[in-house]
């Protein structure tokens, strides 16, 4: 360690700390899931555990349970644990009048908040899907930020509490945060329900080009209109307008509603293994405070969270310590 001495009011400070670069966000850790009779009863978290990949938020896996007997649980919120390292070094105060007398400067960091944004899948293959629109938050602006068109912006910004014990200098600690609270989890589920009902509505009238003739007083198109009016102000979206219906229908790939009609024109549920998952990227930084009262910000934590309604897996929404 390099040493720096600063004389101040009869004291010498020995150390080399820069609070601006004192916190490193490493990754999300994989929980050790505790089960009893096939039911998740809790989770344990080990700072030495492997990093988690393939995080899946499945809003309604009932089709999976019915068709496969898979004990996948529906999710309405998600709490994650991040591995974070305190990069500060121990410091000592040396008294000029008595160099043998020393005191340590507190360098532990306590996590406070996680400030983050949601970013859309920016691959060319998904460019034709259109905005990822959550009407609960905006009826015109995409929820996630699309890096292909950052000027369009996104409303998926948030700051949530972060919790965990004080992380000592040069040590790794676990920080808990909830990037998907219940309100957002419900909005994700409504998004996929809109996609499902939009698919059914188009099939019921023989294709989306015939929506102007759709009967919104009964049948699948009425169900879609009711969902539109229940999520946003009545009249904001119309089940008889192709633009409004396609806004969500194109995302039905990530639900268990089949895009191919079965006998009699009925829309069938597809096998869970055929349900895709839409990737959103979570990007954020932790904020914390040192024992000396200095505020610190971590490096970026970037992780992918895949969304679906009815796919074959889900990441346990562990909330226990």
Protein backbone atom coordinates (compact mmCIF):
# COMPACT_ATOMS: atom_id res chain seq x y z
CA UNK A 1 0.00 0.00 0.00
CA UNK A 2 1.27 3.48 -0.84
CA UNK A 3 1.42 5.83 2.09
CA UNK A 4 0.34 9.43 2.29
CA UNK A 5 0.82 11.63 5.33
CA UNK A 6 -1.17 14.78 5.94
CA UNK A 7 -0.51 17.01 8.93
CA UNK A 8 -3.70 18.48 10.35
CA UNK A 9 -4.21 19.98 13.82
CA UNK A 10 -1.48 17.88 15.36
CA UNK A 11 -2.42 14.59 13.67
CA UNK A 12 -0.93 12.60 10.85
CA UNK A 13 -3.29 10.62 8.58
CA UNK A 14 -1.65 7.60 6.98
CA UNK A 15 -3.50 5.92 4.13
CA UNK A 16 -4.41 6.14 0.46
CA UNK A 17 -8.17 6.16 -0.02
CA UNK A 18 -10.31 7.66 -2.73
CA UNK A 19 -13.97 7.42 -1.75
CA UNK A 20 -15.04 8.04 -5.36
CA UNK A 21 -13.72 4.59 -6.37
CA UNK A 22 -14.19 2.73 -3.11
CA UNK A 23 -17.06 0.36 -3.93
CA UNK A 24 -17.05 -2.31 -6.65
CA UNK A 25 -20.28 -4.07 -7.67
CA UNK A 26 -19.16 -7.57 -8.67
CA UNK A 27 -22.23 -9.65 -9.60
CA UNK A 28 -25.50 -11.23 -8.47
CA UNK A 29 -25.01 -14.41 -6.46
CA UNK A 30 -26.88 -17.66 -6.78
CA UNK A 31 -28.98 -18.54 -3.70
CA UNK A 32 -29.03 -21.94 -2.06
CA UNK A 33 -32.74 -22.71 -2.18
CA UNK A 34 -34.33 -24.48 0.77
CA UNK A 35 -37.34 -26.67 -0.09
CA UNK A 36 -39.81 -28.73 1.88
CA UNK A 37 -42.19 -31.07 0.06
CA UNK A 38 -41.41 -29.27 -3.21
CA UNK A 39 -42.22 -25.84 -1.75
CA UNK A 40 -39.54 -23.14 -1.45
CA UNK A 41 -39.30 -22.22 2.23
CA UNK A 42 -36.26 -19.95 2.14
CA UNK A 43 -32.86 -19.22 0.70
CA UNK A 44 -29.30 -19.01 2.00
CA UNK A 45 -26.72 -16.69 0.52
CA UNK A 46 -22.99 -17.33 0.60
CA UNK A 47 -20.59 -14.56 -0.49
CA UNK A 48 -18.45 -17.30 -2.04
CA UNK A 49 -21.30 -18.72 -4.14
CA UNK A 50 -21.19 -18.72 -7.92
CA UNK A 51 -22.50 -15.72 -9.81
CA UNK A 52 -26.06 -16.05 -11.08
CA UNK A 53 -26.75 -16.21 -14.81
CA UNK A 54 -30.03 -16.70 -16.64
CA UNK A 55 -32.25 -14.77 -14.22
CA UNK A 56 -35.89 -15.34 -15.24
CA UNK A 57 -38.96 -13.46 -14.02
CA UNK A 58 -41.98 -15.62 -14.88
CA UNK A 59 -45.25 -13.83 -14.14
CA UNK A 60 -47.59 -16.79 -14.62
CA UNK A 61 -46.20 -20.32 -15.04
CA UNK A 62 -49.51 -22.10 -14.48
CA UNK A 63 -49.37 -23.56 -17.98
CA UNK A 64 -46.01 -25.08 -17.12
CA UNK A 65 -47.39 -26.59 -13.95
CA UNK A 66 -50.42 -28.04 -15.71
CA UNK A 67 -48.52 -29.48 -18.65
CA UNK A 68 -45.23 -30.51 -17.10
CA UNK A 69 -45.74 -30.79 -13.36
CA UNK A 70 -42.88 -28.31 -13.01
CA UNK A 71 -42.81 -26.64 -9.55
CA UNK A 72 -42.24 -23.19 -11.04
CA UNK A 73 -43.71 -20.38 -8.97
CA UNK A 74 -45.50 -17.26 -10.20
CA UNK A 75 -43.65 -14.06 -9.43
CA UNK A 76 -44.84 -10.59 -8.56
CA UNK A 77 -41.62 -9.24 -7.09
CA UNK A 78 -37.94 -10.11 -7.12
CA UNK A 79 -35.26 -9.47 -4.52
CA UNK A 80 -31.64 -10.10 -5.46
CA UNK A 81 -28.34 -10.22 -3.59
CA UNK A 82 -25.29 -8.54 -5.08
CA UNK A 83 -21.68 -9.21 -4.19
CA UNK A 84 -19.98 -5.87 -3.46
CA UNK A 85 -16.38 -5.16 -2.45
CA UNK A 86 -15.13 -2.32 -0.27
CA UNK A 87 -11.93 -1.09 -1.93
CA UNK A 88 -10.89 1.21 0.90
CA UNK A 89 -7.74 0.48 2.88
CA UNK A 90 -7.35 0.69 6.62
CA UNK A 91 -6.12 4.07 7.82
CA UNK A 92 -4.34 5.14 10.94
CA UNK A 93 -4.16 8.44 12.78
CA UNK A 94 -0.72 9.10 14.26
CA UNK A 95 -0.43 11.79 16.91
CA UNK A 96 2.53 14.09 16.23
CA UNK A 97 3.15 14.67 19.90
CA UNK A 98 3.27 10.93 20.58
CA UNK A 99 3.99 8.86 17.42
CA UNK A 100 3.50 5.65 19.38
CA UNK A 101 -0.14 6.52 19.98
CA UNK A 102 -2.31 5.59 17.00
CA UNK A 103 -5.98 5.30 16.18
CA UNK A 104 -7.77 3.70 13.24
CA UNK A 105 -10.03 5.66 10.91
CA UNK A 106 -13.34 3.80 10.36
CA UNK A 107 -13.46 2.63 6.74
CA UNK A 108 -16.45 0.28 6.70
CA UNK A 109 -19.16 1.09 4.13
CA UNK A 110 -22.87 0.61 4.76
CA UNK A 111 -25.12 0.22 1.67
CA UNK A 112 -28.04 2.64 1.41
CA UNK A 113 -29.66 2.63 -2.04
CA UNK A 114 -29.58 1.17 -5.53
CA UNK A 115 -30.11 3.69 -8.35
CA UNK A 116 -30.89 1.97 -11.66
CA UNK A 117 -32.54 1.95 -15.06
CA UNK A 118 -34.02 -0.71 -17.33
CA UNK A 119 -32.62 -1.06 -20.85
CA UNK A 120 -34.38 -2.81 -23.76
CA UNK A 121 -33.02 -5.68 -25.76
CA UNK A 122 -31.09 -3.78 -28.43
CA UNK A 123 -30.35 -6.64 -30.83
CA UNK A 124 -31.39 -6.22 -34.43
CA UNK A 125 -33.55 -9.34 -34.28
CA UNK A 126 -36.06 -7.66 -31.94
CA UNK A 127 -36.11 -4.26 -33.65
CA UNK A 128 -39.55 -4.91 -35.14
CA UNK A 129 -41.30 -5.49 -31.82
CA UNK A 130 -41.91 -1.82 -31.12
CA UNK A 131 -42.00 -0.07 -27.75
CA UNK A 132 -42.04 -2.04 -24.52
CA UNK A 133 -45.04 -0.11 -23.26
CA UNK A 134 -46.32 -0.41 -19.68
CA UNK A 135 -49.46 1.77 -19.59
CA UNK A 136 -49.37 2.00 -15.79
CA UNK A 137 -46.26 4.19 -16.11
CA UNK A 138 -46.68 5.79 -19.55
CA UNK A 139 -49.13 5.34 -22.42
CA UNK A 140 -46.72 6.81 -24.98
CA UNK A 141 -43.13 6.30 -23.83
CA UNK A 142 -41.27 2.99 -23.68
CA UNK A 143 -40.60 1.59 -20.23
CA UNK A 144 -37.03 0.57 -21.04
CA UNK A 145 -34.36 2.68 -22.71
CA UNK A 146 -33.49 1.50 -26.22
CA UNK A 147 -29.82 2.19 -26.92
CA UNK A 148 -30.64 2.28 -30.63
CA UNK A 149 -32.74 5.38 -29.97
CA UNK A 150 -31.72 6.91 -26.65
CA UNK A 151 -33.30 10.23 -27.61
CA UNK A 152 -36.71 8.57 -27.26
CA UNK A 153 -35.96 7.99 -23.58
CA UNK A 154 -37.59 5.56 -21.21
CA UNK A 155 -39.53 5.77 -17.96
CA UNK A 156 -37.96 2.72 -16.28
CA UNK A 157 -35.77 4.57 -13.78
CA UNK A 158 -35.96 3.94 -10.05
CA UNK A 159 -34.14 4.12 -6.75
CA UNK A 160 -34.79 1.44 -4.15
CA UNK A 161 -33.38 0.79 -0.68
CA UNK A 162 -30.30 -1.42 -0.45
CA UNK A 163 -29.59 -3.29 2.75
CA UNK A 164 -26.78 -5.31 4.22
CA UNK A 165 -24.21 -5.24 6.96
CA UNK A 166 -21.35 -2.76 6.96
CA UNK A 167 -18.63 -3.99 4.58
CA UNK A 168 -15.16 -3.75 6.08
CA UNK A 169 -12.15 -2.44 4.16
CA UNK A 170 -10.91 -4.81 1.45
CA UNK A 171 -13.77 -7.22 2.17
CA UNK A 172 -16.71 -8.51 0.10
CA UNK A 173 -20.25 -8.20 1.43
CA UNK A 174 -23.76 -9.03 0.27
CA UNK A 175 -26.23 -6.27 -0.53
CA UNK A 176 -29.95 -6.95 -0.88
CA UNK A 177 -32.19 -4.91 -3.19
CA UNK A 178 -35.55 -5.30 -4.95
CA UNK A 179 -35.40 -4.16 -8.58
CA UNK A 180 -38.89 -5.57 -9.25
CA UNK A 181 -41.33 -4.48 -6.54
CA UNK A 182 -44.90 -5.79 -6.60
CA UNK A 183 -46.26 -2.83 -8.58
CA UNK A 184 -43.75 -3.41 -11.38
CA UNK A 185 -44.26 -7.18 -11.28
CA UNK A 186 -48.00 -6.66 -11.76
CA UNK A 187 -47.32 -4.28 -14.66
CA UNK A 188 -45.10 -6.89 -16.34
CA UNK A 189 -47.88 -9.47 -15.99
CA UNK A 190 -50.46 -7.06 -17.43
CA UNK A 191 -48.12 -6.42 -20.37
CA UNK A 192 -48.09 -10.11 -21.28
CA UNK A 193 -51.82 -10.48 -20.65
CA UNK A 194 -52.36 -7.69 -23.20
CA UNK A 195 -50.14 -9.60 -25.65
CA UNK A 196 -52.20 -12.77 -25.15
CA UNK A 197 -55.57 -11.07 -25.53
CA UNK A 198 -54.35 -9.16 -28.59
CA UNK A 199 -53.38 -12.46 -30.23
CA UNK A 200 -56.79 -13.98 -29.44
CA UNK A 201 -58.60 -10.90 -30.70
CA UNK A 202 -56.85 -10.98 -34.07
CA UNK A 203 -57.61 -14.68 -34.50
CA UNK A 204 -61.26 -14.18 -33.65
CA UNK A 205 -61.78 -11.78 -36.58
CA UNK A 206 -59.62 -13.68 -39.06
CA UNK A 207 -56.52 -11.49 -38.84
CA UNK A 208 -55.41 -8.12 -37.51
CA UNK A 209 -56.27 -6.38 -40.78
CA UNK A 210 -59.97 -6.99 -39.98
CA UNK A 211 -59.94 -5.38 -36.55
CA UNK A 212 -62.08 -2.47 -37.71
CA UNK A 213 -64.94 -4.97 -37.88
CA UNK A 214 -64.17 -6.45 -34.47
CA UNK A 215 -67.04 -6.92 -32.05
CA UNK A 216 -65.94 -5.28 -28.81
CA UNK A 217 -69.17 -6.11 -26.99
CA UNK A 218 -68.42 -9.82 -26.73
CA UNK A 219 -65.68 -12.35 -27.38
CA UNK A 220 -61.87 -12.01 -27.32
CA UNK A 221 -61.84 -8.43 -28.64
CA UNK A 222 -64.18 -7.37 -25.83
CA UNK A 223 -61.81 -9.02 -23.35
CA UNK A 224 -58.93 -7.04 -24.85
CA UNK A 225 -60.88 -3.77 -24.74
CA UNK A 226 -61.84 -4.40 -21.11
CA UNK A 227 -58.18 -5.00 -20.30
CA UNK A 228 -57.17 -1.82 -22.14
CA UNK A 229 -59.73 0.21 -20.20
CA UNK A 230 -58.84 -1.41 -16.88
CA UNK A 231 -55.11 -0.67 -17.16
CA UNK A 232 -55.30 2.81 -18.69
CA UNK A 233 -57.94 5.49 -18.98
CA UNK A 234 -60.97 4.26 -20.99
CA UNK A 235 -60.62 5.15 -24.65
CA UNK A 236 -56.81 5.44 -24.58
CA UNK A 237 -56.43 2.27 -26.67
CA UNK A 238 -58.87 0.51 -29.00
CA UNK A 239 -59.24 -3.20 -29.74
CA UNK A 240 -60.50 -2.17 -33.18
CA UNK A 241 -57.27 -0.39 -34.16
CA UNK A 242 -54.47 -2.49 -35.59
CA UNK A 243 -51.74 -0.15 -34.34
CA UNK A 244 -52.96 -0.45 -30.75
CA UNK A 245 -53.40 -4.22 -30.93
CA UNK A 246 -50.04 -4.83 -32.60
CA UNK A 247 -48.37 -2.73 -29.90
CA UNK A 248 -48.72 -5.79 -27.62
CA UNK A 249 -49.60 -8.71 -29.92
CA UNK A 250 -46.05 -8.95 -31.27
CA UNK A 251 -44.85 -9.78 -27.75
CA UNK A 252 -47.12 -12.85 -27.51
CA UNK A 253 -44.02 -14.89 -28.42
CA UNK A 254 -43.08 -14.54 -24.75
CA UNK A 255 -46.38 -15.94 -23.45
CA UNK A 256 -47.96 -19.39 -23.57
CA UNK A 257 -50.65 -18.31 -26.06
CA UNK A 258 -49.98 -19.87 -29.45
CA UNK A 259 -49.79 -17.67 -32.52
CA UNK A 260 -51.41 -20.45 -34.58
CA UNK A 261 -55.13 -21.07 -34.27
CA UNK A 262 -56.37 -24.60 -33.65
CA UNK A 263 -59.61 -26.28 -34.75
CA UNK A 264 -62.52 -23.89 -35.08
CA UNK A 265 -60.21 -20.88 -34.96
CA UNK A 266 -59.56 -21.23 -31.23
CA UNK A 267 -56.16 -20.13 -29.97
CA UNK A 268 -54.36 -22.99 -28.29
CA UNK A 269 -51.77 -22.84 -25.51
CA UNK A 270 -48.32 -23.80 -26.72
CA UNK A 271 -46.03 -26.17 -24.87
CA UNK A 272 -44.02 -24.33 -22.19
CA UNK A 273 -40.72 -25.31 -23.80
CA UNK A 274 -41.74 -23.20 -26.80
CA UNK A 275 -42.34 -20.04 -24.78
CA UNK A 276 -39.60 -17.46 -25.30
CA UNK A 277 -38.31 -14.96 -22.76
CA UNK A 278 -37.72 -11.27 -23.42
CA UNK A 279 -34.41 -9.95 -22.06
CA UNK A 280 -34.22 -6.63 -20.25
CA UNK A 281 -30.91 -5.29 -19.01
CA UNK A 282 -30.69 -3.90 -15.48
CA UNK A 283 -27.97 -1.24 -15.04
CA UNK A 284 -27.37 0.57 -11.78
CA UNK A 285 -25.07 1.68 -8.98
CA UNK A 286 -25.14 1.24 -5.24
CA UNK A 287 -24.88 4.23 -2.94
CA UNK A 288 -23.42 3.87 0.51
CA UNK A 289 -21.89 5.76 3.37
CA UNK A 290 -18.64 5.26 5.26
CA UNK A 291 -18.48 5.18 9.03
CA UNK A 292 -16.81 8.59 8.75
CA UNK A 293 -19.87 10.00 6.96
CA UNK A 294 -18.58 10.13 3.38
CA UNK A 295 -20.99 9.11 0.64
CA UNK A 296 -19.74 6.60 -1.94
CA UNK A 297 -21.04 5.26 -5.26
CA UNK A 298 -20.20 1.86 -6.69
CA UNK A 299 -19.16 0.85 -10.16
CA UNK A 300 -21.97 -0.20 -12.52
CA UNK A 301 -23.82 -3.43 -11.84
CA UNK A 302 -25.17 -4.79 -15.13
CA UNK A 303 -27.24 -7.95 -15.35
CA UNK A 304 -29.84 -9.43 -17.68
CA UNK A 305 -33.31 -10.36 -16.44
CA UNK A 306 -35.53 -12.33 -18.81
CA UNK A 307 -39.29 -11.87 -18.69
CA UNK A 308 -41.99 -14.32 -19.72
CA UNK A 309 -45.49 -15.56 -18.91
CA UNK A 310 -45.56 -19.33 -18.92
CA UNK A 311 -41.99 -20.37 -19.79
CA UNK A 312 -40.40 -23.40 -18.14
CA UNK A 313 -38.34 -21.71 -15.46
CA UNK A 314 -38.23 -18.92 -12.92
CA UNK A 315 -35.55 -17.62 -10.59
CA UNK A 316 -36.60 -17.99 -6.93
CA UNK A 317 -37.77 -14.65 -5.60
CA UNK A 318 -35.85 -15.15 -2.36
CA UNK A 319 -36.43 -12.59 0.35
CA UNK A 320 -34.91 -14.33 3.38
CA UNK A 321 -31.48 -13.54 4.75
